Amino acid sequence: MKESVVADFVGRVHTADLGSDDPVTGRILLSQRRLVIATDGTKTTVPLADVFDVAVGTVPGDLQSFFNDSVTVAYDGNDRRRTALIEGESDDMEQFTRLLFKALLRNVTVTVRHPAKVGGRVTDATDHTASVTLSPGAIGFTNCPEPFRVTLSTVIDYERTDRTLAGTKRPALVFRHVPDTQTVTSIATVPDARTLNVLGRYLKLEYDEAMDDLDSFDPTEEQLEVLVSIYSAGGEANIAEIVTGDVTQTSMVLDQLREAELVVDGDTGAALTRKGQMIVTSYLESVNA
């Protein structure tokens, strides 16, 4: 590789070039332009321009028994779509994942509207072009009138959609995050489906892990009612806005939710935490499905 290497480590790999279903030990090298996977008998070179998706921790069914801490890279190769699976030590994979996303989103320009909403209120924010910058656990939108940074651990919801800008329909990502106690909605309109895939995957890196943590919590009907009431009030509400029956009972439910780290005390009352926001979002999606 003539260009400088940003990641170089040994792990377990599987590519179409192996001609076998079993993973083998291989050397993984990453530059700003390509990914190279070398084994004793094969060398797979993946130009980053051909990568259209990256899945962290998700492995195709026939290979699930072989891989744990893994990254799957999907790319266009020789007129067909292929995948390369990579597994390594936790520290190596964490660094590789961050550097891979950083290389894939290098020099990407998007159109952002931020904040599009604060709580349930639509703002008068306008669209601006911005550069995407990545840092550990965060994504930044810079080179715009009001640069902003989103911590991945605050992302509670996102959806893919289309927007029409300058007469052209383009893919967009609408994502909601909780930087403090209020939910903020931001919109990033991207140039193509590939960028949408990669940007969406990066934004959800910590979202999926948080959702797995929430699977162990099964809220009661009363707890859900209180959470939805706070959500409907914009993410923060005093007890007078929450009470649907007995004040004492509502106070007890709020204490339970505080203990479960689903609500905290905000400036004007009980405020949903990121986990609380995610539970409500998941519940409302199931109701509206």
Protein backbone atom coordinates (compact mmCIF):
# COMPACT_ATOMS: atom_id res chain seq x y z
CA MET A 1 0.00 0.00 0.00
CA LYS A 2 1.56 3.30 -1.10
CA GLU A 3 -0.69 5.49 1.04
CA SER A 4 -0.14 5.62 4.80
CA VAL A 5 -1.69 2.86 6.89
CA VAL A 6 -3.93 4.00 9.75
CA ALA A 7 -4.74 0.55 11.18
CA ASP A 8 -2.71 -2.67 11.09
CA PHE A 9 -3.53 -5.71 13.23
CA VAL A 10 -3.99 -9.49 13.13
CA GLY A 11 -7.42 -11.05 13.57
CA ARG A 12 -9.80 -13.70 12.27
CA VAL A 13 -11.30 -13.01 8.87
CA HIS A 14 -13.60 -14.38 6.22
CA THR A 15 -13.84 -13.19 2.63
CA ALA A 16 -15.23 -14.60 -0.62
CA ASP A 17 -11.65 -15.15 -1.82
CA LEU A 18 -11.03 -17.83 0.81
CA GLY A 19 -13.13 -20.44 -0.95
CA SER A 20 -14.10 -21.87 2.44
CA ASP A 21 -16.86 -21.30 4.98
CA ASP A 22 -14.44 -21.28 7.90
CA PRO A 23 -12.70 -18.08 9.09
CA VAL A 24 -8.91 -17.97 9.18
CA THR A 25 -6.21 -15.84 10.76
CA GLY A 26 -5.37 -12.81 8.68
CA ARG A 27 -3.71 -9.41 8.71
CA ILE A 28 -5.96 -6.37 8.37
CA LEU A 29 -4.59 -3.11 6.97
CA LEU A 30 -6.59 0.07 6.54
CA SER A 31 -5.62 3.28 4.75
CA GLN A 32 -7.67 6.31 3.77
CA ARG A 33 -8.41 4.67 0.41
CA ARG A 34 -8.65 0.93 0.88
CA LEU A 35 -9.00 -2.04 3.18
CA VAL A 36 -6.65 -4.99 2.66
CA ILE A 37 -7.18 -8.41 4.22
CA ALA A 38 -4.21 -10.77 3.78
CA THR A 39 -4.08 -14.46 4.71
CA ASP A 40 -1.54 -17.19 3.96
CA GLY A 41 -3.10 -17.88 0.59
CA THR A 42 -5.22 -14.86 -0.33
CA LYS A 43 -5.23 -11.09 -0.47
CA THR A 44 -8.52 -9.20 -0.64
CA THR A 45 -8.38 -5.50 -1.49
CA VAL A 46 -11.50 -3.42 -0.92
CA PRO A 47 -11.46 0.17 -2.23
CA LEU A 48 -13.33 2.25 0.35
CA ALA A 49 -15.25 3.92 -2.48
CA ASP A 50 -16.88 0.51 -3.10
CA VAL A 51 -18.06 0.05 0.51
CA PHE A 52 -21.79 0.66 0.83
CA ASP A 53 -22.48 -0.61 4.36
CA VAL A 54 -20.77 -1.47 7.64
CA ALA A 55 -22.37 -3.59 10.35
CA VAL A 56 -20.79 -3.69 13.80
CA GLY A 57 -21.55 -6.84 15.80
CA THR A 58 -23.93 -8.24 13.17
CA VAL A 59 -22.86 -11.44 11.41
CA PRO A 60 -24.61 -13.33 8.57
CA GLY A 61 -26.47 -16.39 9.89
CA ASP A 62 -24.14 -19.05 8.49
CA LEU A 63 -21.12 -17.45 10.19
CA GLN A 64 -22.64 -16.48 13.56
CA SER A 65 -21.04 -19.42 15.35
CA PHE A 66 -17.56 -18.25 14.31
CA PHE A 67 -17.56 -14.53 15.15
CA ASN A 68 -18.19 -12.47 18.28
CA ASP A 69 -16.57 -9.01 18.41
CA SER A 70 -16.80 -8.37 14.68
CA VAL A 71 -17.28 -5.90 11.84
CA THR A 72 -18.92 -6.83 8.54
CA VAL A 73 -17.97 -4.70 5.54
CA ALA A 74 -20.31 -4.89 2.53
CA TYR A 75 -18.93 -3.74 -0.81
CA ASP A 76 -19.36 -3.94 -4.57
CA GLY A 77 -16.80 -6.23 -6.16
CA ASN A 78 -16.54 -7.78 -9.62
CA ASP A 79 -20.11 -6.92 -10.57
CA ARG A 80 -21.56 -8.46 -7.43
CA ARG A 81 -22.00 -7.54 -3.81
CA ARG A 82 -19.61 -9.14 -1.35
CA THR A 83 -18.90 -9.08 2.38
CA ALA A 84 -15.73 -9.24 4.43
CA LEU A 85 -15.92 -10.21 8.10
CA ILE A 86 -13.26 -9.15 10.57
CA GLU A 87 -12.82 -10.10 14.21
CA GLY A 88 -10.07 -9.12 16.61
CA GLU A 89 -9.18 -8.10 20.13
CA SER A 90 -11.60 -5.62 21.66
CA ASP A 91 -9.16 -2.69 21.66
CA ASP A 92 -8.10 -3.39 18.07
CA MET A 93 -11.70 -3.60 16.88
CA GLU A 94 -12.77 -0.44 18.69
CA GLN A 95 -9.97 1.53 17.06
CA PHE A 96 -10.49 -0.12 13.66
CA THR A 97 -14.23 0.60 13.72
CA ARG A 98 -13.68 4.28 14.50
CA LEU A 99 -10.96 4.68 11.87
CA LEU A 100 -13.00 2.83 9.23
CA PHE A 101 -16.01 5.09 9.69
CA LYS A 102 -13.74 8.12 9.75
CA ALA A 103 -12.17 7.11 6.44
CA LEU A 104 -15.54 6.31 4.84
CA LEU A 105 -17.02 9.68 5.84
CA ARG A 106 -13.91 11.71 5.04
CA ASN A 107 -14.66 14.80 2.93
CA VAL A 108 -18.40 14.14 3.07
CA THR A 109 -20.60 17.23 2.86
CA VAL A 110 -24.22 17.13 4.03
CA THR A 111 -27.06 19.61 4.44
CA VAL A 112 -28.13 19.98 8.07
CA ARG A 113 -31.06 21.58 9.80
CA HIS A 114 -30.33 21.93 13.51
CA PRO A 115 -32.22 22.05 15.70
CA ALA A 116 -35.23 21.18 13.55
CA LYS A 117 -37.23 20.66 16.74
CA VAL A 118 -36.69 21.23 20.45
CA GLY A 119 -39.03 19.00 22.39
CA GLY A 120 -42.20 19.08 20.33
CA ARG A 121 -41.64 22.63 19.07
CA VAL A 122 -40.63 23.19 15.45
CA THR A 123 -37.89 25.82 15.24
CA ASP A 124 -37.14 28.39 12.53
CA ALA A 125 -33.74 26.79 11.77
CA THR A 126 -32.75 26.75 8.11
CA ASP A 127 -30.66 24.37 6.00
CA HIS A 128 -26.88 24.77 5.81
CA THR A 129 -24.14 22.72 4.20
CA ALA A 130 -21.73 21.17 6.70
CA SER A 131 -18.74 18.86 6.87
CA VAL A 132 -18.92 15.62 8.84
CA THR A 133 -16.22 15.09 11.47
CA LEU A 134 -15.90 12.03 13.71
CA SER A 135 -14.33 11.70 17.13
CA PRO A 136 -14.49 8.87 19.67
CA GLY A 137 -18.14 8.48 20.71
CA ALA A 138 -19.35 11.54 18.81
CA ILE A 139 -20.11 13.09 15.44
CA GLY A 140 -19.65 16.73 14.54
CA PHE A 141 -21.09 18.96 11.83
CA THR A 142 -18.65 21.76 11.06
CA ASN A 143 -17.90 24.45 8.47
CA CYS A 144 -21.43 25.80 8.86
CA PRO A 145 -22.85 28.94 10.56
CA GLU A 146 -23.64 27.08 13.79
CA PRO A 147 -21.42 24.00 14.16
CA PHE A 148 -22.68 21.33 16.55
CA ARG A 149 -21.60 18.02 18.01
CA VAL A 150 -23.74 15.01 18.88
CA THR A 151 -22.60 12.48 21.48
CA LEU A 152 -23.61 9.02 20.27
CA SER A 153 -24.79 7.98 23.73
CA THR A 154 -27.48 10.70 23.59
CA VAL A 155 -29.11 9.44 20.37
CA ILE A 156 -32.53 7.98 21.17
CA ASP A 157 -34.19 7.57 17.79
CA TYR A 158 -33.58 7.97 14.08
CA GLU A 159 -35.31 7.33 10.79
CA ARG A 160 -34.44 7.38 7.11
CA THR A 161 -36.48 9.54 4.79
CA ASP A 162 -36.23 11.65 1.62
CA ARG A 163 -36.12 15.43 1.23
CA THR A 164 -36.27 17.62 -1.83
CA LEU A 165 -33.55 20.28 -1.97
CA ALA A 166 -33.13 22.58 -4.98
CA GLY A 167 -35.62 20.44 -6.89
CA THR A 168 -33.72 17.18 -6.28
CA LYS A 169 -34.92 14.36 -4.03
CA ARG A 170 -32.15 13.18 -1.73
CA PRO A 171 -31.92 10.69 1.15
CA ALA A 172 -31.93 12.12 4.66
CA LEU A 173 -31.48 10.99 8.24
CA VAL A 174 -33.74 12.43 10.94
CA PHE A 175 -32.31 11.74 14.38
CA ARG A 176 -33.34 12.69 17.89
CA HIS A 177 -30.92 13.15 20.75
CA VAL A 178 -30.99 14.41 24.33
CA PRO A 179 -27.96 16.65 24.97
CA ASP A 180 -29.43 17.85 28.28
CA THR A 181 -32.99 17.20 29.42
CA GLN A 182 -34.85 18.23 26.27
CA THR A 183 -35.12 16.17 23.12
CA VAL A 184 -33.54 17.77 20.05
CA THR A 185 -34.34 16.71 16.49
CA SER A 186 -31.73 17.24 13.77
CA ILE A 187 -31.90 16.48 10.05
CA ALA A 188 -28.95 15.57 7.83
CA THR A 189 -29.62 15.37 4.09
CA VAL A 190 -26.90 13.36 2.37
CA PRO A 191 -25.67 13.06 -1.23
CA ASP A 192 -26.42 9.36 -1.79
CA ALA A 193 -27.67 6.07 -0.32
CA ARG A 194 -24.14 4.91 0.50
CA THR A 195 -23.52 7.92 2.73
CA LEU A 196 -26.93 7.40 4.31
CA ASN A 197 -26.04 3.80 5.19
CA VAL A 198 -22.64 4.61 6.66
CA LEU A 199 -23.75 7.73 8.55
CA GLY A 200 -26.78 5.89 9.93
CA ARG A 201 -24.63 2.97 11.07
CA TYR A 202 -22.25 5.32 12.88
CA LEU A 203 -25.06 7.18 14.63
CA LYS A 204 -26.54 3.91 15.91
CA LEU A 205 -23.27 2.44 17.24
CA GLU A 206 -24.31 2.99 20.86
CA TYR A 207 -28.06 3.00 20.19
CA ASP A 208 -28.27 -0.77 19.62
CA GLU A 209 -26.28 -1.47 22.78
CA ALA A 210 -28.62 0.74 24.81
CA MET A 211 -31.67 -1.00 23.33
CA ASP A 212 -30.23 -4.36 24.39
CA ASP A 213 -29.93 -3.02 27.96
CA LEU A 214 -33.57 -1.95 27.90
CA ASP A 215 -34.79 -5.41 26.92
CA SER A 216 -34.36 -6.46 30.55
CA PHE A 217 -36.75 -3.74 31.77
CA ASP A 218 -40.46 -4.53 31.49
CA PRO A 219 -42.42 -1.40 32.52
CA THR A 220 -45.82 -1.70 34.14
CA GLU A 221 -48.87 0.00 32.68
CA GLU A 222 -48.64 2.74 35.33
CA GLN A 223 -44.97 3.34 34.61
CA LEU A 224 -45.63 3.57 30.88
CA GLU A 225 -48.49 6.00 31.48
CA VAL A 226 -46.23 8.31 33.48
CA LEU A 227 -43.38 8.05 30.96
CA VAL A 228 -45.72 8.86 28.06
CA SER A 229 -47.18 11.81 30.00
CA ILE A 230 -43.70 13.29 30.48
CA TYR A 231 -42.86 12.62 26.84
CA SER A 232 -46.06 14.33 25.67
CA ALA A 233 -45.15 17.39 27.75
CA GLY A 234 -41.90 17.76 25.80
CA GLY A 235 -39.66 15.49 27.85
CA GLU A 236 -40.02 17.29 31.19
CA ALA A 237 -43.09 17.87 33.36
CA ASN A 238 -44.10 18.71 36.92
CA ILE A 239 -46.26 16.30 38.87
CA ALA A 240 -49.43 18.30 38.18
CA GLU A 241 -48.99 17.59 34.47
CA ILE A 242 -48.36 13.90 35.10
CA VAL A 243 -50.99 12.90 37.66
CA THR A 244 -53.81 10.86 36.18
CA GLY A 245 -55.17 9.63 39.49
CA ASP A 246 -53.78 9.50 43.00
CA VAL A 247 -50.89 11.92 43.67
CA THR A 248 -49.24 9.58 46.17
CA GLN A 249 -49.32 6.67 43.72
CA THR A 250 -47.87 8.84 40.94
CA SER A 251 -45.06 9.93 43.28
CA MET A 252 -44.30 6.27 44.03
CA VAL A 253 -44.17 5.45 40.32
CA LEU A 254 -41.82 8.40 39.73
CA ASP A 255 -39.53 7.08 42.48
CA GLN A 256 -39.48 3.68 40.75
CA LEU A 257 -38.59 5.33 37.45
CA ARG A 258 -35.81 7.36 39.09
CA GLU A 259 -34.39 4.18 40.58
CA ALA A 260 -34.48 2.55 37.14
CA GLU A 261 -32.70 5.65 35.74
CA LEU A 262 -35.56 6.41 33.38
CA VAL A 263 -36.27 9.87 34.80
CA VAL A 264 -34.25 12.48 36.67
CA ASP A 265 -35.14 15.75 38.36
CA GLY A 266 -35.02 18.53 35.78
CA ASP A 267 -35.43 22.30 36.07
CA THR A 268 -39.23 22.25 36.17
CA GLY A 269 -40.03 18.67 37.13
CA ALA A 270 -39.34 15.08 36.18
CA ALA A 271 -37.32 14.75 32.96
CA LEU A 272 -36.87 11.66 30.81
CA THR A 273 -33.37 10.25 30.57
CA ARG A 274 -32.09 8.81 27.33
CA LYS A 275 -33.26 5.35 28.47
CA GLY A 276 -36.68 6.74 29.33
CA GLN A 277 -36.95 8.42 25.93
CA MET A 278 -36.01 5.20 24.18
CA ILE A 279 -38.62 3.16 26.06
CA VAL A 280 -41.37 5.63 25.14
CA THR A 281 -40.24 5.75 21.51
CA SER A 282 -40.20 1.96 21.29
CA TYR A 283 -43.63 1.72 22.93
CA LEU A 284 -45.21 4.32 20.63
CA GLU A 285 -43.75 2.59 17.58
CA SER A 286 -45.32 -0.72 18.67
CA VAL A 287 -48.69 0.98 19.24
CA ASN A 288 -48.64 2.72 15.86
CA ALA A 289 -47.33 -0.28 13.92
